[in-house]
Amino acid sequence: MLPSAGAMIQGAGAVIQGLAAYKSAQKQMKFQREMSNTAVQRQMADMRAAGINPILAAKYGGASTPTGAAYQVPNIGAAAVEGYKGASSAKQMQEQARLTGVKADIEKRTLDYLEKENLTMAQVMYTAKNVFTSKMLDTFEKGLSGRWQELPNPYRGIGQFLHKEFRDAGMISQRGEVMSISGEGLGNLIAKAVKLASDAGVQAVTETGRGIIDAIADRIMKK
């Protein structure tokens, strides 16, 4: 709900609240006036019923005048806005919980791949997509394919580094063909690429990727 719409609904609710309160006050005043105007008559009637001389009513000044009950009118518009806010907040919490669950599933699946001995190219790219930002992913792909020269600085240097690391690790042949890639080897390469990007002032990791990088770093530290 837009802020302006919420303000309009609250304003309309205030108008309705005011009108209802005015009508309630008018009814209460009418009731009190009728009670006041008939105070003596009512007391005389009560005295006759009790077997007392009604002339004595003049001495006592008539029956008491009740004040009546005042109706407290709620601001329906404000209540509607608050209700919407509550529902919207609950919906946001549900969506946040869903996204947290999705993020956890992606992290687990990616880390499971990094435990494998041999990864398919689809698994390699799935891992890279979950870790790297779009520009860094492009750098990764061009480094893997040997087209790092096409990249602008500072990504060109990172792509060249990646290409050399792929070759030195035996992940690609001298002709640029993708060879066997282990999960551990890919994890180590990704960690090096992130460190190099950080040193170059490049934002390399997505929000989901941060958890994956932390897990990779923990695995490297334990070995």
Foldseek 3Di string as FASTA:
>chain_A
DDPVVLVVLLVVLVVVQVVVQVVQVVVLVVQQVVCLVCQLVVQLVVCVVVVHHSVCSVVVVGHDGDRDDHDRGDSVSNVVSVVVVVVVVVVVVVVVVVVVVVLVVLLVVLVVQLQFFFDDVVSLLSNQVQWWDPLLSVLLVCLLQVNLVVDDPPSSVLSVVSVVLCVVVVQADPVSHGDTDHSLSSLVSVLVSCVVCVVRVHRTTDPSNVVNNVVSVVVVVVD
